[in-house]
């Protein structure tokens, strides 16, 4: 599949934003928010800014962005619609929580808003993962681990960002950093298991099945289907070389998994925790963008059976 930069930015920015919102909401729920009310306000505002920027960028990939509002009506059958509904609903408790911090309002409602915002963040990211995980036409996406990889990486990138913000005011939490290490390890384990699974799967659909003539033996094309590339070939026929993909996977391992673990450990042990967490944010940012680019570039659509692919 062609890696659309708008969708890559959407899934990475909104994922980190929802991850940050999740941890901030838990901190509010359990009375562990570092700093004063201004930290809480600006941290939640940053999370909502990342979420909003990501959601807006996702509309750039639509043929008719003005019709995006119509997707909300299909929530019974569409994960895209469910994601939109969950995202809008999550704005309510998150926005009210930010206003509570802005105006210094102390209320017993705040922990409830924190719980609702945390649940909404998890639900929205899960729906995002299921948009791809539910598509049977792309075997690399139609895998049970996909939504949980989205959740793990959203949680880890959000935790890294939260740790960095807290370190700026000298209030980095040991518990948060340990949770960050756990989520990075979880995301790493899930991604490695996913890579092994998709690499071992040659594809269940064949060219003969696509033609509806599996009983006649192996089929081969006499002529190309088009003299020039069309939309399907451009959008769904994108492929990345195996050697190139292997190099990019190593970058993902180094930047999204190994480097953040080492830097978070240094933040736990060394006094320069702000510097280490800043470097962890940069490394994780490079890693998550590379991982998401690969997620799209390595995807093979069954339509390519009509354009030369033998299996998909």
Protein backbone atom coordinates (compact mmCIF):
# COMPACT_ATOMS: atom_id res chain seq x y z
CA UNK A 1 0.00 0.00 0.00
CA UNK A 2 1.13 3.55 -0.69
CA UNK A 3 2.23 5.14 2.64
CA UNK A 4 0.19 8.35 2.79
CA UNK A 5 2.03 10.89 4.91
CA UNK A 6 -1.22 12.35 6.22
CA UNK A 7 -2.27 8.97 7.64
CA UNK A 8 1.21 8.33 9.06
CA UNK A 9 1.09 11.68 10.83
CA UNK A 10 -2.46 10.98 12.00
CA UNK A 11 -1.67 7.60 13.57
CA UNK A 12 1.59 8.75 15.19
CA UNK A 13 0.52 12.19 16.46
CA UNK A 14 -2.93 11.16 17.67
CA UNK A 15 -1.50 7.94 19.14
CA UNK A 16 1.05 9.87 21.20
CA UNK A 17 -1.64 12.41 22.13
CA UNK A 18 -4.06 9.75 23.34
CA UNK A 19 -1.23 7.99 25.15
CA UNK A 20 -0.30 11.22 26.92
CA UNK A 21 -3.95 11.91 27.73
CA UNK A 22 -4.30 8.40 29.16
CA UNK A 23 -1.40 8.85 31.58
CA UNK A 24 -2.47 12.37 32.54
CA UNK A 25 -5.98 11.11 33.21
CA UNK A 26 -4.66 8.31 35.42
CA UNK A 27 -2.48 10.79 37.27
CA UNK A 28 -5.55 12.93 37.91
CA UNK A 29 -7.65 9.93 38.92
CA UNK A 30 -5.13 8.79 41.54
CA UNK A 31 -4.08 12.26 42.68
CA UNK A 32 -0.55 11.94 41.26
CA UNK A 33 -0.49 14.86 38.82
CA UNK A 34 2.96 16.52 39.12
CA UNK A 35 3.33 20.26 39.47
CA UNK A 36 0.54 22.76 39.91
CA UNK A 37 -2.59 23.46 37.96
CA UNK A 38 -0.69 25.11 35.10
CA UNK A 39 1.26 21.93 34.41
CA UNK A 40 -1.97 19.96 34.29
CA UNK A 41 -3.59 22.46 31.94
CA UNK A 42 -0.70 22.76 29.49
CA UNK A 43 -0.02 18.99 29.49
CA UNK A 44 -3.66 18.16 28.68
CA UNK A 45 -3.71 21.00 26.12
CA UNK A 46 -0.64 19.48 24.44
CA UNK A 47 -2.31 16.06 24.35
CA UNK A 48 -5.45 17.56 22.77
CA UNK A 49 -3.32 19.53 20.30
CA UNK A 50 -1.58 16.35 19.12
CA UNK A 51 -4.92 14.55 18.90
CA UNK A 52 -6.59 17.36 16.97
CA UNK A 53 -3.67 17.81 14.56
CA UNK A 54 -3.66 14.08 13.86
CA UNK A 55 -7.41 13.86 13.32
CA UNK A 56 -7.41 16.86 11.00
CA UNK A 57 -4.54 15.45 8.96
CA UNK A 58 -6.46 12.20 8.48
CA UNK A 59 -9.12 14.07 6.49
CA UNK A 60 -6.49 15.03 3.90
CA UNK A 61 -6.45 11.41 2.73
CA UNK A 62 -10.17 11.49 1.95
CA UNK A 63 -11.33 12.11 -1.60
CA UNK A 64 -14.10 14.39 -0.30
CA UNK A 65 -13.01 15.70 3.15
CA UNK A 66 -16.22 17.74 3.45
CA UNK A 67 -18.14 14.48 3.67
CA UNK A 68 -16.17 13.23 6.69
CA UNK A 69 -19.06 14.18 8.97
CA UNK A 70 -21.19 11.56 7.25
CA UNK A 71 -18.95 8.78 8.56
CA UNK A 72 -20.30 9.25 12.07
CA UNK A 73 -23.63 7.71 11.07
CA UNK A 74 -22.09 4.30 10.27
CA UNK A 75 -20.90 3.43 13.79
CA UNK A 76 -22.87 0.17 13.85
CA UNK A 77 -20.72 -1.41 11.14
CA UNK A 78 -17.65 0.78 10.57
CA UNK A 79 -14.57 0.98 12.78
CA UNK A 80 -13.73 4.29 11.12
CA UNK A 81 -17.08 5.66 12.26
CA UNK A 82 -16.59 4.23 15.75
CA UNK A 83 -13.20 5.89 15.94
CA UNK A 84 -14.75 9.23 15.03
CA UNK A 85 -17.49 8.87 17.63
CA UNK A 86 -15.01 7.78 20.33
CA UNK A 87 -12.69 10.67 19.48
CA UNK A 88 -15.46 13.27 19.75
CA UNK A 89 -16.83 11.78 22.98
CA UNK A 90 -13.33 11.78 24.52
CA UNK A 91 -13.00 15.52 23.90
CA UNK A 92 -15.74 16.20 26.45
CA UNK A 93 -14.15 14.87 29.67
CA UNK A 94 -10.63 15.80 28.50
CA UNK A 95 -11.68 19.36 27.66
CA UNK A 96 -13.56 19.79 30.96
CA UNK A 97 -10.55 18.45 32.85
CA UNK A 98 -8.31 21.01 31.13
CA UNK A 99 -10.75 23.79 32.07
CA UNK A 100 -10.78 22.60 35.69
CA UNK A 101 -7.00 23.03 35.78
CA UNK A 102 -7.09 26.35 33.92
CA UNK A 103 -9.52 27.94 36.37
CA UNK A 104 -8.26 26.08 39.44
CA UNK A 105 -11.59 24.34 40.06
CA UNK A 106 -11.52 21.69 42.78
CA UNK A 107 -14.36 19.26 42.33
CA UNK A 108 -15.18 15.67 43.09
CA UNK A 109 -16.09 15.44 39.41
CA UNK A 110 -12.44 15.70 38.34
CA UNK A 111 -11.52 12.03 39.06
CA UNK A 112 -14.62 10.94 37.15
CA UNK A 113 -13.55 13.05 34.19
CA UNK A 114 -10.09 11.53 34.43
CA UNK A 115 -11.49 8.00 34.33
CA UNK A 116 -13.73 8.82 31.36
CA UNK A 117 -10.90 10.49 29.45
CA UNK A 118 -8.62 7.48 30.04
CA UNK A 119 -11.31 5.06 28.84
CA UNK A 120 -12.02 7.25 25.82
CA UNK A 121 -8.33 7.39 24.89
CA UNK A 122 -8.00 3.61 25.00
CA UNK A 123 -11.24 3.09 23.05
CA UNK A 124 -10.25 5.55 20.31
CA UNK A 125 -6.80 4.04 19.75
CA UNK A 126 -8.30 0.55 19.71
CA UNK A 127 -10.79 1.65 17.05
CA UNK A 128 -7.93 3.14 15.01
CA UNK A 129 -6.11 -0.18 15.10
CA UNK A 130 -9.26 -2.07 14.17
CA UNK A 131 -9.78 0.12 11.09
CA UNK A 132 -6.82 -1.74 9.65
CA UNK A 133 -7.14 -4.98 11.62
CA UNK A 134 -10.63 -5.63 10.24
CA UNK A 135 -9.64 -5.43 6.55
CA UNK A 136 -9.51 -8.98 5.21
CA UNK A 137 -8.23 -7.76 1.84
CA UNK A 138 -4.80 -6.97 3.33
CA UNK A 139 -3.24 -9.88 5.21
CA UNK A 140 -0.55 -7.75 6.92
CA UNK A 141 -3.31 -5.65 8.50
CA UNK A 142 -5.87 -8.36 9.12
CA UNK A 143 -3.94 -9.71 12.10
CA UNK A 144 -5.19 -10.00 15.71
CA UNK A 145 -2.10 -8.25 17.12
CA UNK A 146 -2.56 -5.03 15.12
CA UNK A 147 -4.92 -3.12 17.51
CA UNK A 148 -2.83 -4.15 20.53
CA UNK A 149 0.37 -2.94 18.85
CA UNK A 150 -1.37 0.40 18.28
CA UNK A 151 -2.35 0.50 21.97
CA UNK A 152 1.12 -0.47 23.23
CA UNK A 153 2.95 2.09 21.10
CA UNK A 154 0.43 4.82 21.87
CA UNK A 155 0.87 4.10 25.57
CA UNK A 156 4.68 4.00 25.41
CA UNK A 157 5.10 7.15 23.28
CA UNK A 158 2.60 8.98 25.49
CA UNK A 159 4.43 7.83 28.63
CA UNK A 160 7.77 8.99 27.22
CA UNK A 161 6.25 12.38 26.44
CA UNK A 162 4.69 12.60 29.91
CA UNK A 163 8.03 11.67 31.50
CA UNK A 164 9.75 14.43 29.54
CA UNK A 165 7.19 17.05 30.55
CA UNK A 166 7.42 16.00 34.19
CA UNK A 167 11.23 16.10 34.08
CA UNK A 168 11.09 19.75 32.99
CA UNK A 169 9.71 20.66 36.41
CA UNK A 170 11.84 18.11 38.26
CA UNK A 171 8.90 15.84 39.01
CA UNK A 172 9.56 12.72 36.92
CA UNK A 173 7.86 9.76 38.57
CA UNK A 174 9.77 6.53 39.07
CA UNK A 175 6.51 4.61 38.71
CA UNK A 176 5.77 6.27 35.38
CA UNK A 177 9.25 5.53 34.04
CA UNK A 178 8.97 1.89 35.09
CA UNK A 179 5.55 1.70 33.38
CA UNK A 180 7.19 3.23 30.29
CA UNK A 181 9.79 0.47 30.24
CA UNK A 182 7.06 -2.15 30.56
CA UNK A 183 5.05 -0.75 27.66
CA UNK A 184 8.12 -0.44 25.44
CA UNK A 185 8.90 -4.08 26.19
CA UNK A 186 5.31 -5.08 25.50
CA UNK A 187 5.20 -3.18 22.22
CA UNK A 188 8.53 -4.68 21.19
CA UNK A 189 7.35 -8.23 21.92
CA UNK A 190 4.09 -7.74 20.05
CA UNK A 191 5.79 -6.17 17.03
CA UNK A 192 8.41 -8.91 16.76
CA UNK A 193 5.69 -11.56 17.01
CA UNK A 194 3.70 -9.70 14.34
CA UNK A 195 6.70 -9.48 11.97
CA UNK A 196 7.39 -13.19 12.36
CA UNK A 197 3.75 -14.06 11.68
CA UNK A 198 3.36 -11.96 8.53
CA UNK A 199 6.74 -13.05 7.16
CA UNK A 200 5.76 -16.71 7.55
CA UNK A 201 2.37 -16.21 5.87
CA UNK A 202 2.64 -16.47 2.06
CA UNK A 203 -0.97 -15.35 1.59
CA UNK A 204 -4.11 -17.45 1.42
CA UNK A 205 -5.43 -16.03 -1.86
CA UNK A 206 -3.98 -16.96 -5.26
CA UNK A 207 -4.28 -15.59 -8.79
CA UNK A 208 -6.34 -18.63 -9.73
CA UNK A 209 -8.77 -17.99 -6.87
CA UNK A 210 -9.14 -14.37 -8.00
CA UNK A 211 -10.06 -15.55 -11.50
CA UNK A 212 -12.50 -18.09 -10.10
CA UNK A 213 -10.72 -20.90 -11.93
CA UNK A 214 -8.63 -22.73 -9.31
CA UNK A 215 -9.52 -26.11 -10.83
CA UNK A 216 -7.76 -25.36 -14.14
CA UNK A 217 -4.24 -25.18 -12.72
CA UNK A 218 -1.73 -22.34 -12.64
CA UNK A 219 -2.71 -19.15 -14.46
CA UNK A 220 -0.32 -16.67 -16.03
CA UNK A 221 -1.09 -13.29 -17.63
CA UNK A 222 -0.52 -12.87 -21.37
CA UNK A 223 -0.47 -9.06 -21.31
CA UNK A 224 -0.35 -6.41 -18.57
CA UNK A 225 -3.82 -5.20 -17.51
CA UNK A 226 -2.97 -1.55 -18.30
CA UNK A 227 -0.49 0.23 -20.52
CA UNK A 228 -0.04 2.95 -17.86
CA UNK A 229 -0.41 2.88 -14.05
CA UNK A 230 -3.90 3.55 -12.72
CA UNK A 231 -5.19 4.54 -9.28
CA UNK A 232 -5.32 0.96 -7.96
CA UNK A 233 -1.74 0.30 -9.04
CA UNK A 234 -0.47 3.56 -7.51
CA UNK A 235 -2.31 3.29 -4.20
CA UNK A 236 -2.43 -0.46 -3.64
CA UNK A 237 0.50 -1.69 -5.73
CA UNK A 238 3.23 0.07 -3.78
CA UNK A 239 5.92 -2.35 -2.66
CA UNK A 240 9.11 -2.00 -0.65
CA UNK A 241 12.21 -4.10 -1.33
CA UNK A 242 12.84 -6.85 1.21
CA UNK A 243 16.39 -5.64 1.96
CA UNK A 244 15.15 -2.07 2.39
CA UNK A 245 12.36 -3.23 4.72
CA UNK A 246 14.89 -5.21 6.79
CA UNK A 247 17.03 -2.08 7.26
CA UNK A 248 14.00 -0.03 8.27
CA UNK A 249 12.97 -2.69 10.78
CA UNK A 250 16.39 -2.35 12.38
CA UNK A 251 15.83 1.40 12.64
CA UNK A 252 12.49 0.73 14.35
CA UNK A 253 14.17 -1.65 16.79
CA UNK A 254 16.95 0.82 17.53
CA UNK A 255 14.90 4.04 17.81
CA UNK A 256 11.53 2.87 19.11
CA UNK A 257 12.65 0.01 21.34
CA UNK A 258 16.34 -0.11 22.31
CA UNK A 259 17.22 3.60 22.57
CA UNK A 260 14.16 4.63 24.65
CA UNK A 261 14.79 1.78 27.11
CA UNK A 262 18.42 2.83 27.63
CA UNK A 263 17.51 6.52 27.89
CA UNK A 264 14.68 5.91 30.37
CA UNK A 265 17.03 3.81 32.50
CA UNK A 266 19.54 6.66 32.42
CA UNK A 267 16.75 9.04 33.48
CA UNK A 268 16.07 6.74 36.43
CA UNK A 269 19.72 6.60 37.47
CA UNK A 270 21.23 9.93 36.45
CA UNK A 271 20.52 13.54 37.48
CA UNK A 272 20.17 14.75 33.88
CA UNK A 273 16.75 13.16 33.54
CA UNK A 274 15.38 16.01 31.40
CA UNK A 275 18.09 15.56 28.76
CA UNK A 276 17.66 11.79 28.63
CA UNK A 277 13.90 12.06 28.33
CA UNK A 278 14.21 14.66 25.56
CA UNK A 279 16.47 12.27 23.65
CA UNK A 280 13.96 9.48 24.31
CA UNK A 281 11.18 11.63 22.80
CA UNK A 282 13.28 12.30 19.68
CA UNK A 283 14.31 8.64 19.28
CA UNK A 284 10.76 7.35 19.81
CA UNK A 285 9.44 9.90 17.32
CA UNK A 286 11.82 8.68 14.62
CA UNK A 287 11.05 5.07 15.49
CA UNK A 288 7.25 5.35 15.50
CA UNK A 289 7.18 7.22 12.17
CA UNK A 290 9.41 4.55 10.60
CA UNK A 291 7.31 1.74 12.10
CA UNK A 292 4.11 3.26 10.79
CA UNK A 293 5.60 3.89 7.33
CA UNK A 294 6.61 0.22 7.16
CA UNK A 295 3.17 -0.86 8.36
CA UNK A 296 1.65 0.71 5.25
CA UNK A 297 4.49 0.07 2.77
CA UNK A 298 4.68 -3.68 3.48
CA UNK A 299 0.91 -4.17 3.14
CA UNK A 300 -0.18 -6.18 0.09
CA UNK A 301 -3.72 -5.74 -1.22
CA UNK A 302 -5.48 -8.69 -2.88
CA UNK A 303 -6.24 -6.50 -5.91
CA UNK A 304 -2.62 -6.98 -6.94
CA UNK A 305 -3.46 -10.56 -7.95
CA UNK A 306 -4.78 -8.97 -11.15
CA UNK A 307 -1.54 -7.01 -11.61
CA UNK A 308 1.08 -9.74 -11.48
CA UNK A 309 1.16 -10.95 -7.87
CA UNK A 310 0.85 -14.73 -7.47
CA UNK A 311 -0.38 -14.71 -3.86
CA UNK A 312 -1.77 -12.12 -1.47
